[in-house]
Amino acid sequence: MGDEAQQCSRNSWESSRVNWDVQESVLEDLFAILPPVKSSSKNAVTAAVVSILPPKRAQNIGIVMKCLKIAPEDIRLALYTMSTRQLSDESLEKLLGVLPKEDEGSKVLEERERLIE
């Protein structure tokens, strides 16, 4: 990447109107790739649906994620590398709009820990 491209990329992130007061550990936990959950029964055909977030909130998050057309792993990588190729200012604002509130984040992390055990 040339000097002009790097400067442009830095300026885009620095001049963004987005509030960057986000904890890195929260982002890492939200966009982490979980290991597959192993079923205790070989004959289990249906998976239990666990609702952590209110249905409307979950639907809004799903809509934003679908509109971005970026895989969660790619979002995570783009955030770590501050890549403006995949995440524009508009995309970042959309993501910030659906970040979980403190209580929602703790519920998600608790459920994640329960599934891993």
PDB file of N, CA and C in Angstrom:
ATOM      1  N   MET A   1       0.862  -1.175   0.000  1.00  0.00           N
ATOM      2  CA  MET A   1       0.000   0.000   0.000  1.00  0.00           C
ATOM      3  C   MET A   1       0.899   1.225   0.000  1.00  0.00           C
ATOM      4  N   GLY A   2       0.628   2.179  -0.883  1.00  0.00           N
ATOM      5  CA  GLY A   2       1.455   3.368  -0.988  1.00  0.00           C
ATOM      6  C   GLY A   2       1.227   4.324   0.165  1.00  0.00           C
ATOM      7  N   ASP A   3       2.122   5.334   0.257  1.00  0.00           N
ATOM      8  CA  ASP A   3       2.028   6.314   1.338  1.00  0.00           C
ATOM      9  C   ASP A   3       0.703   7.070   1.297  1.00  0.00           C
ATOM     10  N   GLU A   4       0.239   7.420   0.096  1.00  0.00           N
ATOM     11  CA  GLU A   4      -1.018   8.157  -0.020  1.00  0.00           C
ATOM     12  C   GLU A   4      -2.189   7.313   0.461  1.00  0.00           C
ATOM     13  N   ALA A   5      -2.187   6.044   0.127  1.00  0.00           N
ATOM     14  CA  ALA A   5      -3.268   5.156   0.546  1.00  0.00           C
ATOM     15  C   ALA A   5      -3.261   4.982   2.059  1.00  0.00           C
ATOM     16  N   GLN A   6      -2.069   4.832   2.650  1.00  0.00           N
ATOM     17  CA  GLN A   6      -1.979   4.698   4.098  1.00  0.00           C
ATOM     18  C   GLN A   6      -2.453   5.966   4.784  1.00  0.00           C
ATOM     19  N   GLN A   7      -2.063   7.121   4.269  1.00  0.00           N
ATOM     20  CA  GLN A   7      -2.462   8.393   4.851  1.00  0.00           C
ATOM     21  C   GLN A   7      -3.978   8.560   4.759  1.00  0.00           C
ATOM     22  N   CYS A   8      -4.536   8.214   3.607  1.00  0.00           N
ATOM     23  CA  CYS A   8      -5.984   8.304   3.408  1.00  0.00           C
ATOM     24  C   CYS A   8      -6.704   7.380   4.381  1.00  0.00           C
ATOM     25  N   SER A   9      -6.177   6.160   4.526  1.00  0.00           N
ATOM     26  CA  SER A   9      -6.780   5.190   5.432  1.00  0.00           C
ATOM     27  C   SER A   9      -6.739   5.705   6.864  1.00  0.00           C
ATOM     28  N   ARG A  10      -5.600   6.233   7.292  1.00  0.00           N
ATOM     29  CA  ARG A  10      -5.485   6.780   8.643  1.00  0.00           C
ATOM     30  C   ARG A  10      -6.428   7.940   8.838  1.00  0.00           C
ATOM     31  N   ASN A  11      -6.513   8.823   7.861  1.00  0.00           N
ATOM     32  CA  ASN A  11      -7.379   9.980   7.987  1.00  0.00           C
ATOM     33  C   ASN A  11      -8.837   9.580   8.090  1.00  0.00           C
ATOM     34  N   SER A  12      -9.224   8.556   7.365  1.00  0.00           N
ATOM     35  CA  SER A  12     -10.611   8.102   7.403  1.00  0.00           C
ATOM     36  C   SER A  12     -10.984   7.637   8.805  1.00  0.00           C
ATOM     37  N   TRP A  13     -10.102   6.875   9.443  1.00  0.00           N
ATOM     38  CA  TRP A  13     -10.390   6.393  10.784  1.00  0.00           C
ATOM     39  C   TRP A  13     -10.298   7.523  11.804  1.00  0.00           C
ATOM     40  N   GLU A  14      -9.325   8.391  11.654  1.00  0.00           N
ATOM     41  CA  GLU A  14      -9.135   9.464  12.621  1.00  0.00           C
ATOM     42  C   GLU A  14     -10.239  10.514  12.532  1.00  0.00           C
ATOM     43  N   SER A  15     -10.733  10.782  11.331  1.00  0.00           N
ATOM     44  CA  SER A  15     -11.745  11.818  11.175  1.00  0.00           C
ATOM     45  C   SER A  15     -13.158  11.277  11.322  1.00  0.00           C
ATOM     46  N   SER A  16     -13.274  10.000  11.574  1.00  0.00           N
ATOM     47  CA  SER A  16     -14.587   9.380  11.716  1.00  0.00           C
ATOM     48  C   SER A  16     -15.344   9.999  12.884  1.00  0.00           C
ATOM     49  N   ARG A  17     -16.663  10.139  12.684  1.00  0.00           N
ATOM     50  CA  ARG A  17     -17.504  10.681  13.739  1.00  0.00           C
ATOM     51  C   ARG A  17     -17.944   9.609  14.720  1.00  0.00           C
ATOM     52  N   VAL A  18     -17.388   8.428  14.599  1.00  0.00           N
ATOM     53  CA  VAL A  18     -17.771   7.311  15.432  1.00  0.00           C
ATOM     54  C   VAL A  18     -17.044   7.406  16.768  1.00  0.00           C
ATOM     55  N   ASN A  19     -17.772   7.164  17.851  1.00  0.00           N
ATOM     56  CA  ASN A  19     -17.172   7.138  19.183  1.00  0.00           C
ATOM     57  C   ASN A  19     -16.444   5.807  19.349  1.00  0.00           C
ATOM     58  N   TRP A  20     -15.136   5.837  19.534  1.00  0.00           N
ATOM     59  CA  TRP A  20     -14.324   4.627  19.575  1.00  0.00           C
ATOM     60  C   TRP A  20     -14.128   4.101  20.984  1.00  0.00           C
ATOM     61  N   ASP A  21     -14.990   4.452  21.903  1.00  0.00           N
ATOM     62  CA  ASP A  21     -14.865   4.005  23.283  1.00  0.00           C
ATOM     63  C   ASP A  21     -15.477   2.606  23.421  1.00  0.00           C
ATOM     64  N   VAL A  22     -14.804   1.614  22.848  1.00  0.00           N
ATOM     65  CA  VAL A  22     -15.280   0.238  22.847  1.00  0.00           C
ATOM     66  C   VAL A  22     -14.166  -0.632  23.401  1.00  0.00           C
ATOM     67  N   GLN A  23     -14.519  -1.538  24.313  1.00  0.00           N
ATOM     68  CA  GLN A  23     -13.515  -2.411  24.897  1.00  0.00           C
ATOM     69  C   GLN A  23     -13.148  -3.512  23.906  1.00  0.00           C
ATOM     70  N   GLU A  24     -11.865  -3.706  23.735  1.00  0.00           N
ATOM     71  CA  GLU A  24     -11.371  -4.698  22.780  1.00  0.00           C
ATOM     72  C   GLU A  24     -11.839  -6.096  23.152  1.00  0.00           C
ATOM     73  N   SER A  25     -11.879  -6.415  24.449  1.00  0.00           N
ATOM     74  CA  SER A  25     -12.295  -7.759  24.872  1.00  0.00           C
ATOM     75  C   SER A  25     -13.743  -8.039  24.493  1.00  0.00           C
ATOM     76  N   VAL A  26     -14.604  -7.018  24.531  1.00  0.00           N
ATOM     77  CA  VAL A  26     -16.006  -7.199  24.152  1.00  0.00           C
ATOM     78  C   VAL A  26     -16.092  -7.530  22.669  1.00  0.00           C
ATOM     79  N   LEU A  27     -15.368  -6.788  21.837  1.00  0.00           N
ATOM     80  CA  LEU A  27     -15.377  -7.057  20.400  1.00  0.00           C
ATOM     81  C   LEU A  27     -14.836  -8.447  20.105  1.00  0.00           C
ATOM     82  N   GLU A  28     -13.758  -8.817  20.791  1.00  0.00           N
ATOM     83  CA  GLU A  28     -13.163 -10.122  20.558  1.00  0.00           C
ATOM     84  C   GLU A  28     -14.145 -11.225  20.912  1.00  0.00           C
ATOM     85  N   ASP A  29     -14.839 -11.080  22.038  1.00  0.00           N
ATOM     86  CA  ASP A  29     -15.803 -12.098  22.450  1.00  0.00           C
ATOM     87  C   ASP A  29     -16.993 -12.162  21.500  1.00  0.00           C
ATOM     88  N   LEU A  30     -17.436 -11.024  21.003  1.00  0.00           N
ATOM     89  CA  LEU A  30     -18.599 -11.004  20.126  1.00  0.00           C
ATOM     90  C   LEU A  30     -18.317 -11.597  18.756  1.00  0.00           C
ATOM     91  N   PHE A  31     -17.101 -11.419  18.243  1.00  0.00           N
ATOM     92  CA  PHE A  31     -16.787 -11.866  16.901  1.00  0.00           C
ATOM     93  C   PHE A  31     -15.876 -13.091  16.884  1.00  0.00           C
ATOM     94  N   ALA A  32     -15.704 -13.717  18.033  1.00  0.00           N
ATOM     95  CA  ALA A  32     -14.862 -14.912  18.107  1.00  0.00           C
ATOM     96  C   ALA A  32     -15.567 -16.090  17.454  1.00  0.00           C
ATOM     97  N   ILE A  33     -14.795 -16.969  16.902  1.00  0.00           N
ATOM     98  CA  ILE A  33     -15.335 -18.169  16.287  1.00  0.00           C
ATOM     99  C   ILE A  33     -15.382 -19.251  17.363  1.00  0.00           C
ATOM    100  N   LEU A  34     -16.589 -19.715  17.645  1.00  0.00           N
ATOM    101  CA  LEU A  34     -16.757 -20.724  18.681  1.00  0.00           C
ATOM    102  C   LEU A  34     -16.549 -22.119  18.101  1.00  0.00           C
ATOM    103  N   PRO A  35     -16.021 -23.022  18.936  1.00  0.00           N
ATOM    104  CA  PRO A  35     -15.917 -24.400  18.474  1.00  0.00           C
ATOM    105  C   PRO A  35     -17.320 -24.989  18.363  1.00  0.00           C
ATOM    106  N   PRO A  36     -17.509 -25.949  17.473  1.00  0.00           N
ATOM    107  CA  PRO A  36     -18.838 -26.540  17.335  1.00  0.00           C
ATOM    108  C   PRO A  36     -19.267 -27.220  18.629  1.00  0.00           C
ATOM    109  N   VAL A  37     -20.551 -27.100  18.929  1.00  0.00           N
ATOM    110  CA  VAL A  37     -21.102 -27.719  20.125  1.00  0.00           C
ATOM    111  C   VAL A  37     -21.368 -29.184  19.821  1.00  0.00           C
ATOM    112  N   LYS A  38     -20.830 -30.047  20.654  1.00  0.00           N
ATOM    113  CA  LYS A  38     -21.010 -31.472  20.446  1.00  0.00           C
ATOM    114  C   LYS A  38     -22.302 -31.919  21.113  1.00  0.00           C
ATOM    115  N   SER A  39     -23.066 -32.681  20.378  1.00  0.00           N
ATOM    116  CA  SER A  39     -24.336 -33.194  20.885  1.00  0.00           C
ATOM    117  C   SER A  39     -24.072 -34.391  21.781  1.00  0.00           C
ATOM    118  N   SER A  40     -24.790 -34.461  22.906  1.00  0.00           N
ATOM    119  CA  SER A  40     -24.604 -35.585  23.820  1.00  0.00           C
ATOM    120  C   SER A  40     -25.313 -36.831  23.302  1.00  0.00           C
ATOM    121  N   SER A  41     -26.265 -36.641  22.417  1.00  0.00           N
ATOM    122  CA  SER A  41     -27.005 -37.768  21.859  1.00  0.00           C
ATOM    123  C   SER A  41     -26.752 -37.852  20.355  1.00  0.00           C
ATOM    124  N   LYS A  42     -26.423 -39.038  19.885  1.00  0.00           N
ATOM    125  CA  LYS A  42     -26.175 -39.210  18.456  1.00  0.00           C
ATOM    126  C   LYS A  42     -27.465 -39.120  17.647  1.00  0.00           C
ATOM    127  N   ASN A  43     -28.598 -39.361  18.286  1.00  0.00           N
ATOM    128  CA  ASN A  43     -29.881 -39.342  17.601  1.00  0.00           C
ATOM    129  C   ASN A  43     -30.569 -37.985  17.677  1.00  0.00           C
ATOM    130  N   ALA A  44     -29.933 -37.016  18.254  1.00  0.00           N
ATOM    131  CA  ALA A  44     -30.561 -35.700  18.384  1.00  0.00           C
ATOM    132  C   ALA A  44     -30.658 -35.055  17.011  1.00  0.00           C
ATOM    133  N   VAL A  45     -31.874 -34.809  16.564  1.00  0.00           N
ATOM    134  CA  VAL A  45     -32.089 -34.246  15.243  1.00  0.00           C
ATOM    135  C   VAL A  45     -32.328 -32.754  15.332  1.00  0.00           C
ATOM    136  N   THR A  46     -33.054 -32.331  16.346  1.00  0.00           N
ATOM    137  CA  THR A  46     -33.377 -30.914  16.477  1.00  0.00           C
ATOM    138  C   THR A  46     -32.456 -30.268  17.495  1.00  0.00           C
ATOM    139  N   ALA A  47     -32.082 -29.052  17.208  1.00  0.00           N
ATOM    140  CA  ALA A  47     -31.238 -28.289  18.122  1.00  0.00           C
ATOM    141  C   ALA A  47     -32.125 -27.347  18.923  1.00  0.00           C
ATOM    142  N   ALA A  48     -31.798 -27.192  20.162  1.00  0.00           N
ATOM    143  CA  ALA A  48     -32.562 -26.285  21.009  1.00  0.00           C
ATOM    144  C   ALA A  48     -32.200 -24.851  20.651  1.00  0.00           C
ATOM    145  N   VAL A  49     -33.203 -24.021  20.550  1.00  0.00           N
ATOM    146  CA  VAL A  49     -32.983 -22.611  20.252  1.00  0.00           C
ATOM    147  C   VAL A  49     -32.924 -21.859  21.576  1.00  0.00           C
ATOM    148  N   VAL A  50     -31.851 -21.133  21.765  1.00  0.00           N
ATOM    149  CA  VAL A  50     -31.673 -20.374  22.978  1.00  0.00           C
ATOM    150  C   VAL A  50     -31.851 -18.900  22.652  1.00  0.00           C
ATOM    151  N   SER A  51     -32.777 -18.262  23.336  1.00  0.00           N
ATOM    152  CA  SER A  51     -33.015 -16.835  23.126  1.00  0.00           C
ATOM    153  C   SER A  51     -32.364 -16.058  24.258  1.00  0.00           C
ATOM    154  N   ILE A  52     -31.360 -15.304  23.909  1.00  0.00           N
ATOM    155  CA  ILE A  52     -30.662 -14.501  24.906  1.00  0.00           C
ATOM    156  C   ILE A  52     -31.151 -13.059  24.832  1.00  0.00           C
ATOM    157  N   LEU A  53     -31.302 -12.581  23.618  1.00  0.00           N
ATOM    158  CA  LEU A  53     -31.739 -11.204  23.394  1.00  0.00           C
ATOM    159  C   LEU A  53     -33.229 -11.176  23.086  1.00  0.00           C
ATOM    160  N   PRO A  54     -33.873 -10.042  23.336  1.00  0.00           N
ATOM    161  CA  PRO A  54     -35.278  -9.915  22.934  1.00  0.00           C
ATOM    162  C   PRO A  54     -35.395 -10.123  21.424  1.00  0.00           C
ATOM    163  N   PRO A  55     -36.478 -10.741  20.964  1.00  0.00           N
ATOM    164  CA  PRO A  55     -36.614 -11.064  19.540  1.00  0.00           C
ATOM    165  C   PRO A  55     -36.426  -9.867  18.598  1.00  0.00           C
ATOM    166  N   LYS A  56     -36.977  -8.731  18.956  1.00  0.00           N
ATOM    167  CA  LYS A  56     -36.865  -7.556  18.084  1.00  0.00           C
ATOM    168  C   LYS A  56     -35.408  -7.097  17.975  1.00  0.00           C
ATOM    169  N   ARG A  57     -34.698  -7.111  19.098  1.00  0.00           N
ATOM    170  CA  ARG A  57     -33.285  -6.706  19.121  1.00  0.00           C
ATOM    171  C   ARG A  57     -32.451  -7.685  18.287  1.00  0.00           C
ATOM    172  N   ALA A  58     -32.707  -8.970  18.467  1.00  0.00           N
ATOM    173  CA  ALA A  58     -31.980  -9.984  17.705  1.00  0.00           C
ATOM    174  C   ALA A  58     -32.250  -9.824  16.208  1.00  0.00           C
ATOM    175  N   GLN A  59     -33.499  -9.507  15.863  1.00  0.00           N
ATOM    176  CA  GLN A  59     -33.845  -9.308  14.455  1.00  0.00           C
ATOM    177  C   GLN A  59     -33.107  -8.101  13.880  1.00  0.00           C
ATOM    178  N   ASN A  60     -33.035  -7.014  14.641  1.00  0.00           N
ATOM    179  CA  ASN A  60     -32.322  -5.815  14.183  1.00  0.00           C
ATOM    180  C   ASN A  60     -30.845  -6.102  13.961  1.00  0.00           C
ATOM    181  N   ILE A  61     -30.251  -6.854  14.864  1.00  0.00           N
ATOM    182  CA  ILE A  61     -28.835  -7.214  14.717  1.00  0.00           C
ATOM    183  C   ILE A  61     -28.649  -8.068  13.461  1.00  0.00           C
ATOM    184  N   GLY A  62     -29.552  -9.016  13.251  1.00  0.00           N
ATOM    185  CA  GLY A  62     -29.485  -9.865  12.062  1.00  0.00           C
ATOM    186  C   GLY A  62     -29.605  -9.061  10.777  1.00  0.00           C
ATOM    187  N   ILE A  63     -30.489  -8.072  10.778  1.00  0.00           N
ATOM    188  CA  ILE A  63     -30.669  -7.227   9.592  1.00  0.00           C
ATOM    189  C   ILE A  63     -29.398  -6.449   9.294  1.00  0.00           C
ATOM    190  N   VAL A  64     -28.793  -5.856  10.321  1.00  0.00           N
ATOM    191  CA  VAL A  64     -27.564  -5.083  10.123  1.00  0.00           C
ATOM    192  C   VAL A  64     -26.449  -5.990   9.611  1.00  0.00           C
ATOM    193  N   MET A  65     -26.304  -7.160  10.209  1.00  0.00           N
ATOM    194  CA  MET A  65     -25.243  -8.071   9.790  1.00  0.00           C
ATOM    195  C   MET A  65     -25.450  -8.525   8.340  1.00  0.00           C
ATOM    196  N   LYS A  66     -26.700  -8.749   7.959  1.00  0.00           N
ATOM    197  CA  LYS A  66     -26.981  -9.169   6.584  1.00  0.00           C
ATOM    198  C   LYS A  66     -26.720  -8.030   5.601  1.00  0.00           C
ATOM    199  N   CYS A  67     -27.073  -6.797   5.998  1.00  0.00           N
ATOM    200  CA  CYS A  67     -26.847  -5.641   5.122  1.00  0.00           C
ATOM    201  C   CYS A  67     -25.362  -5.376   4.896  1.00  0.00           C
ATOM    202  N   LEU A  68     -24.539  -5.659   5.905  1.00  0.00           N
ATOM    203  CA  LEU A  68     -23.106  -5.425   5.775  1.00  0.00           C
ATOM    204  C   LEU A  68     -22.465  -6.388   4.781  1.00  0.00           C
ATOM    205  N   LYS A  69     -23.036  -7.567   4.640  1.00  0.00           N
ATOM    206  CA  LYS A  69     -22.520  -8.593   3.731  1.00  0.00           C
ATOM    207  C   LYS A  69     -21.052  -8.914   3.990  1.00  0.00           C
ATOM    208  N   ILE A  70     -20.711  -8.951   5.279  1.00  0.00           N
ATOM    209  CA  ILE A  70     -19.348  -9.279   5.700  1.00  0.00           C
ATOM    210  C   ILE A  70     -19.454 -10.358   6.771  1.00  0.00           C
ATOM    211  N   ALA A  71     -18.668 -11.401   6.657  1.00  0.00           N
ATOM    212  CA  ALA A  71     -18.671 -12.477   7.642  1.00  0.00           C
ATOM    213  C   ALA A  71     -18.148 -11.945   8.981  1.00  0.00           C
ATOM    214  N   PRO A  72     -18.657 -12.471  10.103  1.00  0.00           N
ATOM    215  CA  PRO A  72     -18.189 -12.022  11.425  1.00  0.00           C
ATOM    216  C   PRO A  72     -16.665 -12.107  11.569  1.00  0.00           C
ATOM    217  N   GLU A  73     -16.052 -13.150  10.998  1.00  0.00           N
ATOM    218  CA  GLU A  73     -14.587 -13.279  11.094  1.00  0.00           C
ATOM    219  C   GLU A  73     -13.898 -12.120  10.373  1.00  0.00           C
ATOM    220  N   ASP A  74     -14.473 -11.714   9.233  1.00  0.00           N
ATOM    221  CA  ASP A  74     -13.896 -10.607   8.471  1.00  0.00           C
ATOM    222  C   ASP A  74     -14.106  -9.269   9.182  1.00  0.00           C
ATOM    223  N   ILE A  75     -15.232  -9.132   9.866  1.00  0.00           N
ATOM    224  CA  ILE A  75     -15.476  -7.913  10.657  1.00  0.00           C
ATOM    225  C   ILE A  75     -14.426  -7.824  11.747  1.00  0.00           C
ATOM    226  N   ARG A  76     -14.216  -8.939  12.417  1.00  0.00           N
ATOM    227  CA  ARG A  76     -13.217  -8.975  13.498  1.00  0.00           C
ATOM    228  C   ARG A  76     -11.836  -8.583  12.978  1.00  0.00           C
ATOM    229  N   LEU A  77     -11.431  -9.170  11.857  1.00  0.00           N
ATOM    230  CA  LEU A  77     -10.133  -8.863  11.266  1.00  0.00           C
ATOM    231  C   LEU A  77     -10.051  -7.400  10.840  1.00  0.00           C
ATOM    232  N   ALA A  78     -11.113  -6.889  10.233  1.00  0.00           N
ATOM    233  CA  ALA A  78     -11.128  -5.495   9.793  1.00  0.00           C
ATOM    234  C   ALA A  78     -11.024  -4.545  10.980  1.00  0.00           C
ATOM    235  N   LEU A  79     -11.658  -4.890  12.090  1.00  0.00           N
ATOM    236  CA  LEU A  79     -11.561  -4.043  13.281  1.00  0.00           C
ATOM    237  C   LEU A  79     -10.149  -4.061  13.861  1.00  0.00           C
ATOM    238  N   TYR A  80      -9.539  -5.244  13.905  1.00  0.00           N
ATOM    239  CA  TYR A  80      -8.178  -5.345  14.425  1.00  0.00           C
ATOM    240  C   TYR A  80      -7.167  -4.612  13.556  1.00  0.00           C
ATOM    241  N   THR A  81      -7.359  -4.671  12.245  1.00  0.00           N
ATOM    242  CA  THR A  81      -6.404  -4.049  11.335  1.00  0.00           C
ATOM    243  C   THR A  81      -6.812  -2.632  10.931  1.00  0.00           C
ATOM    244  N   MET A  82      -7.995  -2.205  11.396  1.00  0.00           N
ATOM    245  CA  MET A  82      -8.536  -0.878  11.070  1.00  0.00           C
ATOM    246  C   MET A  82      -8.610  -0.699   9.555  1.00  0.00           C
ATOM    247  N   SER A  83      -9.107  -1.721   8.894  1.00  0.00           N
ATOM    248  CA  SER A  83      -9.194  -1.724   7.440  1.00  0.00           C
ATOM    249  C   SER A  83     -10.420  -0.948   6.967  1.00  0.00           C
ATOM    250  N   THR A  84     -10.191   0.039   6.121  1.00  0.00           N
ATOM    251  CA  THR A  84     -11.307   0.789   5.546  1.00  0.00           C
ATOM    252  C   THR A  84     -11.795   0.159   4.249  1.00  0.00           C
ATOM    253  N   ARG A  85     -11.113  -0.867   3.791  1.00  0.00           N
ATOM    254  CA  ARG A  85     -11.566  -1.563   2.577  1.00  0.00           C
ATOM    255  C   ARG A  85     -12.852  -2.331   2.841  1.00  0.00           C
ATOM    256  N   GLN A  86     -12.952  -2.954   4.006  1.00  0.00           N
ATOM    257  CA  GLN A  86     -14.133  -3.743   4.328  1.00  0.00           C
ATOM    258  C   GLN A  86     -15.140  -2.986   5.181  1.00  0.00           C
ATOM    259  N   LEU A  87     -14.663  -2.104   6.035  1.00  0.00           N
ATOM    260  CA  LEU A  87     -15.558  -1.375   6.930  1.00  0.00           C
ATOM    261  C   LEU A  87     -15.456   0.126   6.684  1.00  0.00           C
ATOM    262  N   SER A  88     -16.478   0.675   6.086  1.00  0.00           N
ATOM    263  CA  SER A  88     -16.534   2.118   5.879  1.00  0.00           C
ATOM    264  C   SER A  88     -17.029   2.780   7.163  1.00  0.00           C
ATOM    265  N   ASP A  89     -17.016   4.098   7.184  1.00  0.00           N
ATOM    266  CA  ASP A  89     -17.537   4.823   8.338  1.00  0.00           C
ATOM    267  C   ASP A  89     -19.001   4.467   8.580  1.00  0.00           C
ATOM    268  N   GLU A  90     -19.747   4.335   7.497  1.00  0.00           N
ATOM    269  CA  GLU A  90     -21.170   3.988   7.608  1.00  0.00           C
ATOM    270  C   GLU A  90     -21.339   2.594   8.212  1.00  0.00           C
ATOM    271  N   SER A  91     -20.513   1.656   7.786  1.00  0.00           N
ATOM    272  CA  SER A  91     -20.583   0.295   8.327  1.00  0.00           C
ATOM    273  C   SER A  91     -20.244   0.284   9.811  1.00  0.00           C
ATOM    274  N   LEU A  92     -19.238   1.055  10.188  1.00  0.00           N
ATOM    275  CA  LEU A  92     -18.847   1.126  11.596  1.00  0.00           C
ATOM    276  C   LEU A  92     -19.965   1.716  12.441  1.00  0.00           C
ATOM    277  N   GLU A  93     -20.623   2.741  11.934  1.00  0.00           N
ATOM    278  CA  GLU A  93     -21.730   3.336  12.675  1.00  0.00           C
ATOM    279  C   GLU A  93     -22.864   2.332  12.846  1.00  0.00           C
ATOM    280  N   LYS A  94     -23.135   1.532  11.808  1.00  0.00           N
ATOM    281  CA  LYS A  94     -24.166   0.498  11.908  1.00  0.00           C
ATOM    282  C   LYS A  94     -23.783  -0.536  12.969  1.00  0.00           C
ATOM    283  N   LEU A  95     -22.526  -0.951  12.961  1.00  0.00           N
ATOM    284  CA  LEU A  95     -22.072  -1.925  13.952  1.00  0.00           C
ATOM    285  C   LEU A  95     -22.175  -1.377  15.369  1.00  0.00           C
ATOM    286  N   LEU A  96     -21.787  -0.122  15.540  1.00  0.00           N
ATOM    287  CA  LEU A  96     -21.877   0.476  16.870  1.00  0.00           C
ATOM    288  C   LEU A  96     -23.324   0.574  17.340  1.00  0.00           C
ATOM    289  N   GLY A  97     -24.231   0.727  16.387  1.00  0.00           N
ATOM    290  CA  GLY A  97     -25.642   0.806  16.737  1.00  0.00           C
ATOM    291  C   GLY A  97     -26.214  -0.499  17.261  1.00  0.00           C
ATOM    292  N   VAL A  98     -25.587  -1.620  16.914  1.00  0.00           N
ATOM    293  CA  VAL A  98     -26.093  -2.911  17.360  1.00  0.00           C
ATOM    294  C   VAL A  98     -25.191  -3.599  18.380  1.00  0.00           C
ATOM    295  N   LEU A  99     -24.153  -2.905  18.833  1.00  0.00           N
ATOM    296  CA  LEU A  99     -23.327  -3.490  19.887  1.00  0.00           C
ATOM    297  C   LEU A  99     -24.207  -3.754  21.101  1.00  0.00           C
ATOM    298  N   PRO A 100     -23.986  -4.864  21.780  1.00  0.00           N
ATOM    299  CA  PRO A 100     -24.835  -5.178  22.934  1.00  0.00           C
ATOM    300  C   PRO A 100     -24.608  -4.205  24.079  1.00  0.00           C
ATOM    301  N   LYS A 101     -25.690  -3.964  24.780  1.00  0.00           N
ATOM    302  CA  LYS A 101     -25.587  -3.166  26.002  1.00  0.00           C
ATOM    303  C   LYS A 101     -24.841  -4.019  27.019  1.00  0.00           C
ATOM    304  N   GLU A 102     -24.451  -3.418  28.135  1.00  0.00           N
ATOM    305  CA  GLU A 102     -23.633  -4.126  29.111  1.00  0.00           C
ATOM    306  C   GLU A 102     -24.308  -5.412  29.599  1.00  0.00           C
ATOM    307  N   ASP A 103     -25.596  -5.343  29.916  1.00  0.00           N
ATOM    308  CA  ASP A 103     -26.290  -6.533  30.416  1.00  0.00           C
ATOM    309  C   ASP A 103     -26.455  -7.587  29.322  1.00  0.00           C
ATOM    310  N   GLU A 104     -26.663  -7.158  28.096  1.00  0.00           N
ATOM    311  CA  GLU A 104     -26.789  -8.095  26.980  1.00  0.00           C
ATOM    312  C   GLU A 104     -25.462  -8.804  26.728  1.00  0.00           C
ATOM    313  N   GLY A 105     -24.381  -8.047  26.782  1.00  0.00           N
ATOM    314  CA  GLY A 105     -23.056  -8.624  26.567  1.00  0.00           C
ATOM    315  C   GLY A 105     -22.734  -9.682  27.602  1.00  0.00           C
ATOM    316  N   SER A 106     -23.086  -9.414  28.861  1.00  0.00           N
ATOM    317  CA  SER A 106     -22.799 -10.397  29.911  1.00  0.00           C
ATOM    318  C   SER A 106     -23.650 -11.647  29.724  1.00  0.00           C
ATOM    319  N   LYS A 107     -24.907 -11.492  29.271  1.00  0.00           N
ATOM    320  CA  LYS A 107     -25.758 -12.661  29.009  1.00  0.00           C
ATOM    321  C   LYS A 107     -25.171 -13.512  27.883  1.00  0.00           C
ATOM    322  N   VAL A 108     -24.711 -12.862  26.832  1.00  0.00           N
ATOM    323  CA  VAL A 108     -24.123 -13.581  25.699  1.00  0.00           C
ATOM    324  C   VAL A 108     -22.871 -14.333  26.141  1.00  0.00           C
ATOM    325  N   LEU A 109     -22.023 -13.677  26.918  1.00  0.00           N
ATOM    326  CA  LEU A 109     -20.794 -14.321  27.379  1.00  0.00           C
ATOM    327  C   LEU A 109     -21.090 -15.487  28.319  1.00  0.00           C
ATOM    328  N   GLU A 110     -22.094 -15.330  29.184  1.00  0.00           N
ATOM    329  CA  GLU A 110     -22.479 -16.430  30.082  1.00  0.00           C
ATOM    330  C   GLU A 110     -22.954 -17.634  29.276  1.00  0.00           C
ATOM    331  N   GLU A 111     -23.794 -17.397  28.274  1.00  0.00           N
ATOM    332  CA  GLU A 111     -24.304 -18.481  27.446  1.00  0.00           C
ATOM    333  C   GLU A 111     -23.169 -19.127  26.656  1.00  0.00           C
ATOM    334  N   ARG A 112     -22.243 -18.319  26.187  1.00  0.00           N
ATOM    335  CA  ARG A 112     -21.098 -18.854  25.441  1.00  0.00           C
ATOM    336  C   ARG A 112     -20.280 -19.784  26.329  1.00  0.00           C
ATOM    337  N   GLU A 113     -20.014 -19.355  27.575  1.00  0.00           N
ATOM    338  CA  GLU A 113     -19.266 -20.189  28.508  1.00  0.00           C
ATOM    339  C   GLU A 113     -20.013 -21.481  28.806  1.00  0.00           C
ATOM    340  N   ARG A 114     -21.331 -21.391  28.942  1.00  0.00           N
ATOM    341  CA  ARG A 114     -22.138 -22.572  29.219  1.00  0.00           C
ATOM    342  C   ARG A 114     -22.043 -23.573  28.058  1.00  0.00           C
ATOM    343  N   LEU A 115     -22.052 -23.062  26.823  1.00  0.00           N
ATOM    344  CA  LEU A 115     -21.988 -23.937  25.661  1.00  0.00           C
ATOM    345  C   LEU A 115     -20.617 -24.594  25.501  1.00  0.00           C
ATOM    346  N   ILE A 116     -19.580 -23.878  25.888  1.00  0.00           N
ATOM    347  CA  ILE A 116     -18.212 -24.404  25.738  1.00  0.00           C
ATOM    348  C   ILE A 116     -17.958 -25.532  26.732  1.00  0.00           C
ATOM    349  N   GLU A 117     -18.543 -25.435  27.912  1.00  0.00           N
ATOM    350  CA  GLU A 117     -18.293 -26.457  28.966  1.00  0.00           C
ATOM    351  C   GLU A 117     -18.843 -27.784  28.644  1.00  0.00           C
TER     352      GLU A 117
END
